[in-house]
Amino acid sequence: MSSTNMGTAYPLTNSEISNAITRKSAGVYALGHETGTAFYVDYVGRSDSDLAECLKEHAKARDYSCFKFMYSGSPEVAFEEECELYHDFNPPGNIEHPDHSNLSPWHCHRCLSFS
């Protein structure tokens, strides 16, 4: 079984997001559910600039019960990390491959999408 390498799962609520994410940053996240001590990835995504705000939008929808996250050093790194998670977990909530910024030359190193 693959690991997200993201540490703790938190309930997907505005208060938990605010407590867990302490700085405005690019980052990646996994949304899902827990059964016992296992975290099941149902969706992966990224934010190029404000991880907390992005997760709060997901919290409004109430489609997922918990989240994991990881800060990224830049929007490009966040894209690469999101692609890795997408290929590792093939989450049912992701209908298509992660997209890149229209202004960027980024490509996925796993499948060479957008090359």
PDB file of N, CA and C in Angstrom:
ATOM      1  N   MET A   1       0.842  -1.172   0.000  1.00  0.00           N
ATOM      2  CA  MET A   1       0.000   0.000   0.000  1.00  0.00           C
ATOM      3  C   MET A   1       0.889   1.238   0.000  1.00  0.00           C
ATOM      4  N   SER A   2       0.586   2.214  -0.836  1.00  0.00           N
ATOM      5  CA  SER A   2       1.349   3.453  -0.910  1.00  0.00           C
ATOM      6  C   SER A   2       1.062   4.329   0.299  1.00  0.00           C
ATOM      7  N   SER A   3       2.000   5.207   0.583  1.00  0.00           N
ATOM      8  CA  SER A   3       1.842   6.170   1.666  1.00  0.00           C
ATOM      9  C   SER A   3       1.869   7.572   1.085  1.00  0.00           C
ATOM     10  N   THR A   4       1.068   8.461   1.667  1.00  0.00           N
ATOM     11  CA  THR A   4       1.075   9.851   1.214  1.00  0.00           C
ATOM     12  C   THR A   4       2.298  10.597   1.725  1.00  0.00           C
ATOM     13  N   ASN A   5       2.938  10.089   2.773  1.00  0.00           N
ATOM     14  CA  ASN A   5       4.053  10.778   3.438  1.00  0.00           C
ATOM     15  C   ASN A   5       3.656  12.170   3.922  1.00  0.00           C
ATOM     16  N   MET A   6       2.396  12.315   4.306  1.00  0.00           N
ATOM     17  CA  MET A   6       1.882  13.608   4.753  1.00  0.00           C
ATOM     18  C   MET A   6       1.584  13.667   6.242  1.00  0.00           C
ATOM     19  N   GLY A   7       1.797  12.594   6.955  1.00  0.00           N
ATOM     20  CA  GLY A   7       1.564  12.640   8.395  1.00  0.00           C
ATOM     21  C   GLY A   7       0.106  12.480   8.786  1.00  0.00           C
ATOM     22  N   THR A   8      -0.303  13.268   9.760  1.00  0.00           N
ATOM     23  CA  THR A   8      -1.605  13.158  10.411  1.00  0.00           C
ATOM     24  C   THR A   8      -2.767  13.490   9.490  1.00  0.00           C
ATOM     25  N   ALA A   9      -3.863  12.768   9.665  1.00  0.00           N
ATOM     26  CA  ALA A   9      -5.129  13.116   9.012  1.00  0.00           C
ATOM     27  C   ALA A   9      -5.931  13.984   9.978  1.00  0.00           C
ATOM     28  N   TYR A  10      -6.542  15.030   9.442  1.00  0.00           N
ATOM     29  CA  TYR A  10      -7.349  15.955  10.233  1.00  0.00           C
ATOM     30  C   TYR A  10      -8.784  15.931   9.727  1.00  0.00           C
ATOM     31  N   PRO A  11      -9.760  16.188  10.606  1.00  0.00           N
ATOM     32  CA  PRO A  11     -11.132  16.356  10.130  1.00  0.00           C
ATOM     33  C   PRO A  11     -11.201  17.555   9.172  1.00  0.00           C
ATOM     34  N   LEU A  12     -11.953  17.432   8.109  1.00  0.00           N
ATOM     35  CA  LEU A  12     -12.043  18.491   7.101  1.00  0.00           C
ATOM     36  C   LEU A  12     -13.080  19.527   7.530  1.00  0.00           C
ATOM     37  N   THR A  13     -12.668  20.368   8.475  1.00  0.00           N
ATOM     38  CA  THR A  13     -13.499  21.470   8.956  1.00  0.00           C
ATOM     39  C   THR A  13     -12.664  22.745   8.923  1.00  0.00           C
ATOM     40  N   ASN A  14     -13.331  23.895   8.858  1.00  0.00           N
ATOM     41  CA  ASN A  14     -12.602  25.162   8.826  1.00  0.00           C
ATOM     42  C   ASN A  14     -11.695  25.327  10.037  1.00  0.00           C
ATOM     43  N   SER A  15     -12.172  24.961  11.214  1.00  0.00           N
ATOM     44  CA  SER A  15     -11.347  25.148  12.413  1.00  0.00           C
ATOM     45  C   SER A  15     -10.118  24.240  12.393  1.00  0.00           C
ATOM     46  N   GLU A  16     -10.269  23.001  11.964  1.00  0.00           N
ATOM     47  CA  GLU A  16      -9.112  22.090  11.882  1.00  0.00           C
ATOM     48  C   GLU A  16      -8.124  22.551  10.813  1.00  0.00           C
ATOM     49  N   ILE A  17      -8.636  23.054   9.704  1.00  0.00           N
ATOM     50  CA  ILE A  17      -7.765  23.579   8.646  1.00  0.00           C
ATOM     51  C   ILE A  17      -6.960  24.753   9.187  1.00  0.00           C
ATOM     52  N   SER A  18      -7.631  25.689   9.869  1.00  0.00           N
ATOM     53  CA  SER A  18      -6.943  26.862  10.429  1.00  0.00           C
ATOM     54  C   SER A  18      -5.906  26.474  11.470  1.00  0.00           C
ATOM     55  N   ASN A  19      -6.194  25.468  12.274  1.00  0.00           N
ATOM     56  CA  ASN A  19      -5.237  25.024  13.292  1.00  0.00           C
ATOM     57  C   ASN A  19      -4.045  24.291  12.686  1.00  0.00           C
ATOM     58  N   ALA A  20      -4.285  23.495  11.655  1.00  0.00           N
ATOM     59  CA  ALA A  20      -3.219  22.665  11.079  1.00  0.00           C
ATOM     60  C   ALA A  20      -2.320  23.443  10.125  1.00  0.00           C
ATOM     61  N   ILE A  21      -2.914  24.307   9.327  1.00  0.00           N
ATOM     62  CA  ILE A  21      -2.149  25.031   8.303  1.00  0.00           C
ATOM     63  C   ILE A  21      -1.872  26.424   8.830  1.00  0.00           C
ATOM     64  N   THR A  22      -0.622  26.662   9.168  1.00  0.00           N
ATOM     65  CA  THR A  22      -0.255  27.872   9.906  1.00  0.00           C
ATOM     66  C   THR A  22       0.382  28.960   9.054  1.00  0.00           C
ATOM     67  N   ARG A  23       0.533  28.712   7.761  1.00  0.00           N
ATOM     68  CA  ARG A  23       1.092  29.764   6.903  1.00  0.00           C
ATOM     69  C   ARG A  23       0.481  29.677   5.510  1.00  0.00           C
ATOM     70  N   LYS A  24       0.461  30.812   4.841  1.00  0.00           N
ATOM     71  CA  LYS A  24      -0.038  30.876   3.469  1.00  0.00           C
ATOM     72  C   LYS A  24       1.056  30.332   2.561  1.00  0.00           C
ATOM     73  N   SER A  25       0.727  29.286   1.814  1.00  0.00           N
ATOM     74  CA  SER A  25       1.754  28.608   1.029  1.00  0.00           C
ATOM     75  C   SER A  25       1.127  27.763  -0.063  1.00  0.00           C
ATOM     76  N   ALA A  26       1.930  27.493  -1.074  1.00  0.00           N
ATOM     77  CA  ALA A  26       1.568  26.448  -2.036  1.00  0.00           C
ATOM     78  C   ALA A  26       1.639  25.117  -1.307  1.00  0.00           C
ATOM     79  N   GLY A  27       0.888  24.138  -1.795  1.00  0.00           N
ATOM     80  CA  GLY A  27       0.942  22.827  -1.170  1.00  0.00           C
ATOM     81  C   GLY A  27       0.051  21.822  -1.856  1.00  0.00           C
ATOM     82  N   VAL A  28       0.154  20.588  -1.402  1.00  0.00           N
ATOM     83  CA  VAL A  28      -0.669  19.498  -1.925  1.00  0.00           C
ATOM     84  C   VAL A  28      -1.488  18.909  -0.789  1.00  0.00           C
ATOM     85  N   TYR A  29      -2.566  18.237  -1.165  1.00  0.00           N
ATOM     86  CA  TYR A  29      -3.422  17.641  -0.151  1.00  0.00           C
ATOM     87  C   TYR A  29      -4.082  16.385  -0.682  1.00  0.00           C
ATOM     88  N   ALA A  30      -4.477  15.556   0.256  1.00  0.00           N
ATOM     89  CA  ALA A  30      -5.266  14.363  -0.039  1.00  0.00           C
ATOM     90  C   ALA A  30      -6.533  14.455   0.795  1.00  0.00           C
ATOM     91  N   LEU A  31      -7.670  14.238   0.160  1.00  0.00           N
ATOM     92  CA  LEU A  31      -8.954  14.204   0.851  1.00  0.00           C
ATOM     93  C   LEU A  31      -9.423  12.767   0.875  1.00  0.00           C
ATOM     94  N   GLY A  32     -10.086  12.382   1.948  1.00  0.00           N
ATOM     95  CA  GLY A  32     -10.540  11.007   2.008  1.00  0.00           C
ATOM     96  C   GLY A  32     -11.308  10.698   3.257  1.00  0.00           C
ATOM     97  N   HIS A  33     -11.165   9.453   3.689  1.00  0.00           N
ATOM     98  CA  HIS A  33     -11.863   8.986   4.884  1.00  0.00           C
ATOM     99  C   HIS A  33     -10.963   8.016   5.635  1.00  0.00           C
ATOM    100  N   GLU A  34     -11.266   7.849   6.902  1.00  0.00           N
ATOM    101  CA  GLU A  34     -10.511   6.921   7.740  1.00  0.00           C
ATOM    102  C   GLU A  34     -11.393   5.746   8.136  1.00  0.00           C
ATOM    103  N   THR A  35     -10.782   4.592   8.161  1.00  0.00           N
ATOM    104  CA  THR A  35     -11.405   3.397   8.711  1.00  0.00           C
ATOM    105  C   THR A  35     -10.402   2.820   9.695  1.00  0.00           C
ATOM    106  N   GLY A  36     -10.741   2.884  10.964  1.00  0.00           N
ATOM    107  CA  GLY A  36      -9.770   2.494  11.982  1.00  0.00           C
ATOM    108  C   GLY A  36      -8.599   3.455  11.941  1.00  0.00           C
ATOM    109  N   THR A  37      -7.409   2.921  11.754  1.00  0.00           N
ATOM    110  CA  THR A  37      -6.215   3.774  11.671  1.00  0.00           C
ATOM    111  C   THR A  37      -5.762   4.000  10.233  1.00  0.00           C
ATOM    112  N   ALA A  38      -6.505   3.472   9.264  1.00  0.00           N
ATOM    113  CA  ALA A  38      -6.123   3.606   7.851  1.00  0.00           C
ATOM    114  C   ALA A  38      -6.792   4.826   7.220  1.00  0.00           C
ATOM    115  N   PHE A  39      -6.015   5.569   6.432  1.00  0.00           N
ATOM    116  CA  PHE A  39      -6.521   6.714   5.676  1.00  0.00           C
ATOM    117  C   PHE A  39      -6.659   6.289   4.221  1.00  0.00           C
ATOM    118  N   TYR A  40      -7.835   6.479   3.662  1.00  0.00           N
ATOM    119  CA  TYR A  40      -8.098   6.122   2.267  1.00  0.00           C
ATOM    120  C   TYR A  40      -8.195   7.391   1.433  1.00  0.00           C
ATOM    121  N   VAL A  41      -7.357   7.491   0.407  1.00  0.00           N
ATOM    122  CA  VAL A  41      -7.303   8.666  -0.452  1.00  0.00           C
ATOM    123  C   VAL A  41      -8.418   8.579  -1.490  1.00  0.00           C
ATOM    124  N   ASP A  42      -9.297   9.579  -1.458  1.00  0.00           N
ATOM    125  CA  ASP A  42     -10.398   9.652  -2.416  1.00  0.00           C
ATOM    126  C   ASP A  42     -10.201  10.755  -3.449  1.00  0.00           C
ATOM    127  N   TYR A  43      -9.336  11.723  -3.146  1.00  0.00           N
ATOM    128  CA  TYR A  43      -9.113  12.854  -4.043  1.00  0.00           C
ATOM    129  C   TYR A  43      -7.779  13.484  -3.681  1.00  0.00           C
ATOM    130  N   VAL A  44      -7.030  13.935  -4.683  1.00  0.00           N
ATOM    131  CA  VAL A  44      -5.807  14.696  -4.433  1.00  0.00           C
ATOM    132  C   VAL A  44      -5.891  16.016  -5.180  1.00  0.00           C
ATOM    133  N   GLY A  45      -5.240  17.028  -4.615  1.00  0.00           N
ATOM    134  CA  GLY A  45      -5.249  18.337  -5.247  1.00  0.00           C
ATOM    135  C   GLY A  45      -4.080  19.165  -4.768  1.00  0.00           C
ATOM    136  N   ARG A  46      -4.069  20.401  -5.237  1.00  0.00           N
ATOM    137  CA  ARG A  46      -2.995  21.311  -4.844  1.00  0.00           C
ATOM    138  C   ARG A  46      -3.515  22.736  -4.841  1.00  0.00           C
ATOM    139  N   SER A  47      -2.763  23.577  -4.193  1.00  0.00           N
ATOM    140  CA  SER A  47      -2.967  25.011  -4.275  1.00  0.00           C
ATOM    141  C   SER A  47      -1.634  25.620  -4.668  1.00  0.00           C
ATOM    142  N   ASP A  48      -1.664  26.540  -5.596  1.00  0.00           N
ATOM    143  CA  ASP A  48      -0.431  27.202  -6.020  1.00  0.00           C
ATOM    144  C   ASP A  48      -0.050  28.361  -5.105  1.00  0.00           C
ATOM    145  N   SER A  49      -0.985  28.788  -4.217  1.00  0.00           N
ATOM    146  CA  SER A  49      -0.672  29.952  -3.394  1.00  0.00           C
ATOM    147  C   SER A  49      -1.233  29.927  -1.972  1.00  0.00           C
ATOM    148  N   ASP A  50      -2.400  29.319  -1.738  1.00  0.00           N
ATOM    149  CA  ASP A  50      -3.021  29.382  -0.414  1.00  0.00           C
ATOM    150  C   ASP A  50      -3.727  28.064  -0.104  1.00  0.00           C
ATOM    151  N   LEU A  51      -2.975  27.150   0.449  1.00  0.00           N
ATOM    152  CA  LEU A  51      -3.457  25.806   0.745  1.00  0.00           C
ATOM    153  C   LEU A  51      -4.690  25.817   1.646  1.00  0.00           C
ATOM    154  N   ALA A  52      -4.680  26.639   2.686  1.00  0.00           N
ATOM    155  CA  ALA A  52      -5.803  26.669   3.629  1.00  0.00           C
ATOM    156  C   ALA A  52      -7.094  27.098   2.945  1.00  0.00           C
ATOM    157  N   GLU A  53      -7.047  28.136   2.148  1.00  0.00           N
ATOM    158  CA  GLU A  53      -8.263  28.605   1.474  1.00  0.00           C
ATOM    159  C   GLU A  53      -8.806  27.560   0.514  1.00  0.00           C
ATOM    160  N   CYS A  54      -7.930  26.880  -0.168  1.00  0.00           N
ATOM    161  CA  CYS A  54      -8.347  25.818  -1.085  1.00  0.00           C
ATOM    162  C   CYS A  54      -9.070  24.706  -0.322  1.00  0.00           C
ATOM    163  N   LEU A  55      -8.509  24.291   0.800  1.00  0.00           N
ATOM    164  CA  LEU A  55      -9.132  23.237   1.601  1.00  0.00           C
ATOM    165  C   LEU A  55     -10.463  23.688   2.196  1.00  0.00           C
ATOM    166  N   LYS A  56     -10.569  24.954   2.560  1.00  0.00           N
ATOM    167  CA  LYS A  56     -11.834  25.464   3.105  1.00  0.00           C
ATOM    168  C   LYS A  56     -12.946  25.408   2.061  1.00  0.00           C
ATOM    169  N   GLU A  57     -12.600  25.575   0.799  1.00  0.00           N
ATOM    170  CA  GLU A  57     -13.598  25.414  -0.267  1.00  0.00           C
ATOM    171  C   GLU A  57     -14.092  23.970  -0.319  1.00  0.00           C
ATOM    172  N   HIS A  58     -13.189  23.024  -0.164  1.00  0.00           N
ATOM    173  CA  HIS A  58     -13.590  21.611  -0.129  1.00  0.00           C
ATOM    174  C   HIS A  58     -14.445  21.316   1.107  1.00  0.00           C
ATOM    175  N   ALA A  59     -14.119  21.942   2.226  1.00  0.00           N
ATOM    176  CA  ALA A  59     -14.884  21.708   3.456  1.00  0.00           C
ATOM    177  C   ALA A  59     -16.344  22.124   3.284  1.00  0.00           C
ATOM    178  N   LYS A  60     -16.585  23.193   2.525  1.00  0.00           N
ATOM    179  CA  LYS A  60     -17.958  23.654   2.277  1.00  0.00           C
ATOM    180  C   LYS A  60     -18.793  22.580   1.586  1.00  0.00           C
ATOM    181  N   ALA A  61     -18.175  21.847   0.688  1.00  0.00           N
ATOM    182  CA  ALA A  61     -18.902  20.838  -0.093  1.00  0.00           C
ATOM    183  C   ALA A  61     -19.279  19.614   0.739  1.00  0.00           C
ATOM    184  N   ARG A  62     -18.535  19.345   1.796  1.00  0.00           N
ATOM    185  CA  ARG A  62     -18.794  18.203   2.691  1.00  0.00           C
ATOM    186  C   ARG A  62     -18.776  16.849   1.971  1.00  0.00           C
ATOM    187  N   ASP A  63     -17.950  16.733   0.942  1.00  0.00           N
ATOM    188  CA  ASP A  63     -17.840  15.471   0.207  1.00  0.00           C
ATOM    189  C   ASP A  63     -16.860  14.494   0.854  1.00  0.00           C
ATOM    190  N   TYR A  64     -15.934  15.010   1.652  1.00  0.00           N
ATOM    191  CA  TYR A  64     -14.895  14.184   2.264  1.00  0.00           C
ATOM    192  C   TYR A  64     -14.836  14.487   3.755  1.00  0.00           C
ATOM    193  N   SER A  65     -14.406  13.519   4.544  1.00  0.00           N
ATOM    194  CA  SER A  65     -14.423  13.712   5.996  1.00  0.00           C
ATOM    195  C   SER A  65     -13.088  14.170   6.579  1.00  0.00           C
ATOM    196  N   CYS A  66     -11.980  13.901   5.900  1.00  0.00           N
ATOM    197  CA  CYS A  66     -10.698  14.294   6.470  1.00  0.00           C
ATOM    198  C   CYS A  66      -9.686  14.627   5.377  1.00  0.00           C
ATOM    199  N   PHE A  67      -8.570  15.215   5.810  1.00  0.00           N
ATOM    200  CA  PHE A  67      -7.531  15.634   4.871  1.00  0.00           C
ATOM    201  C   PHE A  67      -6.153  15.435   5.468  1.00  0.00           C
ATOM    202  N   LYS A  68      -5.193  15.324   4.572  1.00  0.00           N
ATOM    203  CA  LYS A  68      -3.771  15.378   4.894  1.00  0.00           C
ATOM    204  C   LYS A  68      -3.180  16.432   3.972  1.00  0.00           C
ATOM    205  N   PHE A  69      -2.054  17.000   4.355  1.00  0.00           N
ATOM    206  CA  PHE A  69      -1.462  18.038   3.513  1.00  0.00           C
ATOM    207  C   PHE A  69       0.047  18.070   3.665  1.00  0.00           C
ATOM    208  N   MET A  70       0.665  18.797   2.746  1.00  0.00           N
ATOM    209  CA  MET A  70       2.104  19.026   2.789  1.00  0.00           C
ATOM    210  C   MET A  70       2.370  20.359   2.097  1.00  0.00           C
ATOM    211  N   TYR A  71       3.129  21.225   2.742  1.00  0.00           N
ATOM    212  CA  TYR A  71       3.548  22.468   2.108  1.00  0.00           C
ATOM    213  C   TYR A  71       4.485  22.153   0.951  1.00  0.00           C
ATOM    214  N   SER A  72       4.472  23.011  -0.062  1.00  0.00           N
ATOM    215  CA  SER A  72       5.380  22.866  -1.208  1.00  0.00           C
ATOM    216  C   SER A  72       6.190  24.141  -1.361  1.00  0.00           C
ATOM    217  N   GLY A  73       7.399  24.005  -1.877  1.00  0.00           N
ATOM    218  CA  GLY A  73       8.291  25.147  -2.018  1.00  0.00           C
ATOM    219  C   GLY A  73       7.910  26.125  -3.107  1.00  0.00           C
ATOM    220  N   SER A  74       7.096  25.686  -4.054  1.00  0.00           N
ATOM    221  CA  SER A  74       6.686  26.543  -5.163  1.00  0.00           C
ATOM    222  C   SER A  74       5.465  25.920  -5.835  1.00  0.00           C
ATOM    223  N   PRO A  75       4.764  26.690  -6.664  1.00  0.00           N
ATOM    224  CA  PRO A  75       3.653  26.107  -7.416  1.00  0.00           C
ATOM    225  C   PRO A  75       4.085  24.944  -8.311  1.00  0.00           C
ATOM    226  N   GLU A  76       5.261  25.034  -8.905  1.00  0.00           N
ATOM    227  CA  GLU A  76       5.732  23.945  -9.762  1.00  0.00           C
ATOM    228  C   GLU A  76       5.979  22.666  -8.957  1.00  0.00           C
ATOM    229  N   VAL A  77       6.580  22.812  -7.792  1.00  0.00           N
ATOM    230  CA  VAL A  77       6.803  21.648  -6.930  1.00  0.00           C
ATOM    231  C   VAL A  77       5.457  21.062  -6.497  1.00  0.00           C
ATOM    232  N   ALA A  78       4.489  21.925  -6.190  1.00  0.00           N
ATOM    233  CA  ALA A  78       3.151  21.440  -5.815  1.00  0.00           C
ATOM    234  C   ALA A  78       2.537  20.634  -6.957  1.00  0.00           C
ATOM    235  N   PHE A  79       2.692  21.105  -8.191  1.00  0.00           N
ATOM    236  CA  PHE A  79       2.180  20.367  -9.351  1.00  0.00           C
ATOM    237  C   PHE A  79       2.838  18.990  -9.445  1.00  0.00           C
ATOM    238  N   GLU A  80       4.162  18.945  -9.306  1.00  0.00           N
ATOM    239  CA  GLU A  80       4.883  17.666  -9.393  1.00  0.00           C
ATOM    240  C   GLU A  80       4.443  16.706  -8.287  1.00  0.00           C
ATOM    241  N   GLU A  81       4.269  17.227  -7.070  1.00  0.00           N
ATOM    242  CA  GLU A  81       3.837  16.384  -5.953  1.00  0.00           C
ATOM    243  C   GLU A  81       2.406  15.892  -6.150  1.00  0.00           C
ATOM    244  N   GLU A  82       1.540  16.755  -6.687  1.00  0.00           N
ATOM    245  CA  GLU A  82       0.164  16.343  -6.969  1.00  0.00           C
ATOM    246  C   GLU A  82       0.149  15.226  -8.012  1.00  0.00           C
ATOM    247  N   CYS A  83       0.973  15.348  -9.040  1.00  0.00           N
ATOM    248  CA  CYS A  83       1.058  14.297 -10.062  1.00  0.00           C
ATOM    249  C   CYS A  83       1.506  12.976  -9.441  1.00  0.00           C
ATOM    250  N   GLU A  84       2.500  13.024  -8.565  1.00  0.00           N
ATOM    251  CA  GLU A  84       2.970  11.804  -7.900  1.00  0.00           C
ATOM    252  C   GLU A  84       1.840  11.152  -7.110  1.00  0.00           C
ATOM    253  N   LEU A  85       1.107  11.950  -6.335  1.00  0.00           N
ATOM    254  CA  LEU A  85      -0.016  11.412  -5.560  1.00  0.00           C
ATOM    255  C   LEU A  85      -1.087  10.829  -6.480  1.00  0.00           C
ATOM    256  N   TYR A  86      -1.373  11.535  -7.560  1.00  0.00           N
ATOM    257  CA  TYR A  86      -2.382  11.070  -8.515  1.00  0.00           C
ATOM    258  C   TYR A  86      -1.999   9.697  -9.073  1.00  0.00           C
ATOM    259  N   HIS A  87      -0.760   9.544  -9.479  1.00  0.00           N
ATOM    260  CA  HIS A  87      -0.317   8.264 -10.051  1.00  0.00           C
ATOM    261  C   HIS A  87      -0.191   7.171  -8.987  1.00  0.00           C
ATOM    262  N   ASP A  88       0.203   7.529  -7.771  1.00  0.00           N
ATOM    263  CA  ASP A  88       0.339   6.533  -6.704  1.00  0.00           C
ATOM    264  C   ASP A  88      -1.010   5.978  -6.250  1.00  0.00           C
ATOM    265  N   PHE A  89      -2.031   6.829  -6.191  1.00  0.00           N
ATOM    266  CA  PHE A  89      -3.306   6.428  -5.589  1.00  0.00           C
ATOM    267  C   PHE A  89      -4.461   6.284  -6.572  1.00  0.00           C
ATOM    268  N   ASN A  90      -4.370   6.877  -7.762  1.00  0.00           N
ATOM    269  CA  ASN A  90      -5.472   6.833  -8.724  1.00  0.00           C
ATOM    270  C   ASN A  90      -6.809   7.070  -8.009  1.00  0.00           C
ATOM    271  N   PRO A  91      -6.951   8.218  -7.338  1.00  0.00           N
ATOM    272  CA  PRO A  91      -8.125   8.436  -6.500  1.00  0.00           C
ATOM    273  C   PRO A  91      -9.425   8.517  -7.310  1.00  0.00           C
ATOM    274  N   PRO A  92     -10.498   7.933  -6.787  1.00  0.00           N
ATOM    275  CA  PRO A  92     -11.759   7.910  -7.524  1.00  0.00           C
ATOM    276  C   PRO A  92     -12.371   9.292  -7.745  1.00  0.00           C
ATOM    277  N   GLY A  93     -12.031  10.267  -6.907  1.00  0.00           N
ATOM    278  CA  GLY A  93     -12.582  11.611  -7.061  1.00  0.00           C
ATOM    279  C   GLY A  93     -11.894  12.452  -8.116  1.00  0.00           C
ATOM    280  N   ASN A  94     -10.741  12.015  -8.590  1.00  0.00           N
ATOM    281  CA  ASN A  94     -10.020  12.738  -9.643  1.00  0.00           C
ATOM    282  C   ASN A  94     -10.400  12.136 -10.985  1.00  0.00           C
ATOM    283  N   ILE A  95     -11.162  12.873 -11.760  1.00  0.00           N
ATOM    284  CA  ILE A  95     -11.646  12.380 -13.045  1.00  0.00           C
ATOM    285  C   ILE A  95     -10.544  12.396 -14.098  1.00  0.00           C
ATOM    286  N   GLU A  96      -9.647  13.365 -13.997  1.00  0.00           N
ATOM    287  CA  GLU A  96      -8.566  13.461 -14.981  1.00  0.00           C
ATOM    288  C   GLU A  96      -7.260  13.841 -14.308  1.00  0.00           C
ATOM    289  N   HIS A  97      -6.201  13.761 -15.071  1.00  0.00           N
ATOM    290  CA  HIS A  97      -4.851  14.089 -14.604  1.00  0.00           C
ATOM    291  C   HIS A  97      -4.802  15.534 -14.111  1.00  0.00           C
ATOM    292  N   PRO A  98      -4.010  15.810 -13.072  1.00  0.00           N
ATOM    293  CA  PRO A  98      -3.863  17.196 -12.616  1.00  0.00           C
ATOM    294  C   PRO A  98      -3.418  18.110 -13.752  1.00  0.00           C
ATOM    295  N   ASP A  99      -3.951  19.313 -13.747  1.00  0.00           N
ATOM    296  CA  ASP A  99      -3.642  20.299 -14.776  1.00  0.00           C
ATOM    297  C   ASP A  99      -2.532  21.216 -14.271  1.00  0.00           C
ATOM    298  N   HIS A 100      -1.855  21.849 -15.206  1.00  0.00           N
ATOM    299  CA  HIS A 100      -0.815  22.809 -14.845  1.00  0.00           C
ATOM    300  C   HIS A 100      -1.324  24.208 -15.162  1.00  0.00           C
ATOM    301  N   SER A 101      -0.597  25.201 -14.711  1.00  0.00           N
ATOM    302  CA  SER A 101      -0.931  26.575 -15.031  1.00  0.00           C
ATOM    303  C   SER A 101      -0.820  26.774 -16.539  1.00  0.00           C
ATOM    304  N   ASN A 102      -1.753  27.499 -17.115  1.00  0.00           N
ATOM    305  CA  ASN A 102      -1.719  27.754 -18.560  1.00  0.00           C
ATOM    306  C   ASN A 102      -0.473  28.524 -18.982  1.00  0.00           C
ATOM    307  N   LEU A 103       0.146  29.202 -18.048  1.00  0.00           N
ATOM    308  CA  LEU A 103       1.322  30.013 -18.361  1.00  0.00           C
ATOM    309  C   LEU A 103       2.633  29.277 -18.100  1.00  0.00           C
ATOM    310  N   SER A 104       2.555  28.001 -17.761  1.00  0.00           N
ATOM    311  CA  SER A 104       3.768  27.282 -17.375  1.00  0.00           C
ATOM    312  C   SER A 104       4.140  26.197 -18.380  1.00  0.00           C
ATOM    313  N   PRO A 105       5.427  25.856 -18.430  1.00  0.00           N
ATOM    314  CA  PRO A 105       5.880  24.744 -19.278  1.00  0.00           C
ATOM    315  C   PRO A 105       5.957  23.424 -18.510  1.00  0.00           C
ATOM    316  N   TRP A 106       5.326  23.330 -17.341  1.00  0.00           N
ATOM    317  CA  TRP A 106       5.442  22.158 -16.482  1.00  0.00           C
ATOM    318  C   TRP A 106       4.913  20.917 -17.177  1.00  0.00           C
ATOM    319  N   HIS A 107       5.495  19.786 -16.828  1.00  0.00           N
ATOM    320  CA  HIS A 107       4.969  18.509 -17.313  1.00  0.00           C
ATOM    321  C   HIS A 107       5.121  17.454 -16.223  1.00  0.00           C
ATOM    322  N   CYS A 108       4.310  16.435 -16.331  1.00  0.00           N
ATOM    323  CA  CYS A 108       4.335  15.342 -15.360  1.00  0.00           C
ATOM    324  C   CYS A 108       5.500  14.416 -15.687  1.00  0.00           C
ATOM    325  N   HIS A 109       6.337  14.166 -14.709  1.00  0.00           N
ATOM    326  CA  HIS A 109       7.504  13.307 -14.911  1.00  0.00           C
ATOM    327  C   HIS A 109       7.145  11.827 -14.973  1.00  0.00           C
ATOM    328  N   ARG A 110       5.943  11.480 -14.529  1.00  0.00           N
ATOM    329  CA  ARG A 110       5.527  10.073 -14.536  1.00  0.00           C
ATOM    330  C   ARG A 110       4.919   9.652 -15.870  1.00  0.00           C
ATOM    331  N   CYS A 111       4.151  10.537 -16.486  1.00  0.00           N
ATOM    332  CA  CYS A 111       3.469  10.134 -17.724  1.00  0.00           C
ATOM    333  C   CYS A 111       3.730  11.100 -18.877  1.00  0.00           C
ATOM    334  N   LEU A 112       4.499  12.151 -18.605  1.00  0.00           N
ATOM    335  CA  LEU A 112       4.867  13.152 -19.598  1.00  0.00           C
ATOM    336  C   LEU A 112       3.673  13.927 -20.141  1.00  0.00           C
ATOM    337  N   SER A 113       2.587  14.007 -19.356  1.00  0.00           N
ATOM    338  CA  SER A 113       1.464  14.857 -19.742  1.00  0.00           C
ATOM    339  C   SER A 113       1.943  16.293 -19.852  1.00  0.00           C
ATOM    340  N   PHE A 114       1.428  17.004 -20.814  1.00  0.00           N
ATOM    341  CA  PHE A 114       1.717  18.415 -21.074  1.00  0.00           C
ATOM    342  C   PHE A 114       3.123  18.638 -21.608  1.00  0.00           C
ATOM    343  N   SER A 115       3.763  17.599 -22.149  1.00  0.00           N
ATOM    344  CA  SER A 115       5.119  17.809 -22.679  1.00  0.00           C
ATOM    345  C   SER A 115       5.052  18.171 -24.148  1.00  0.00           C
TER     346      SER A 115
END
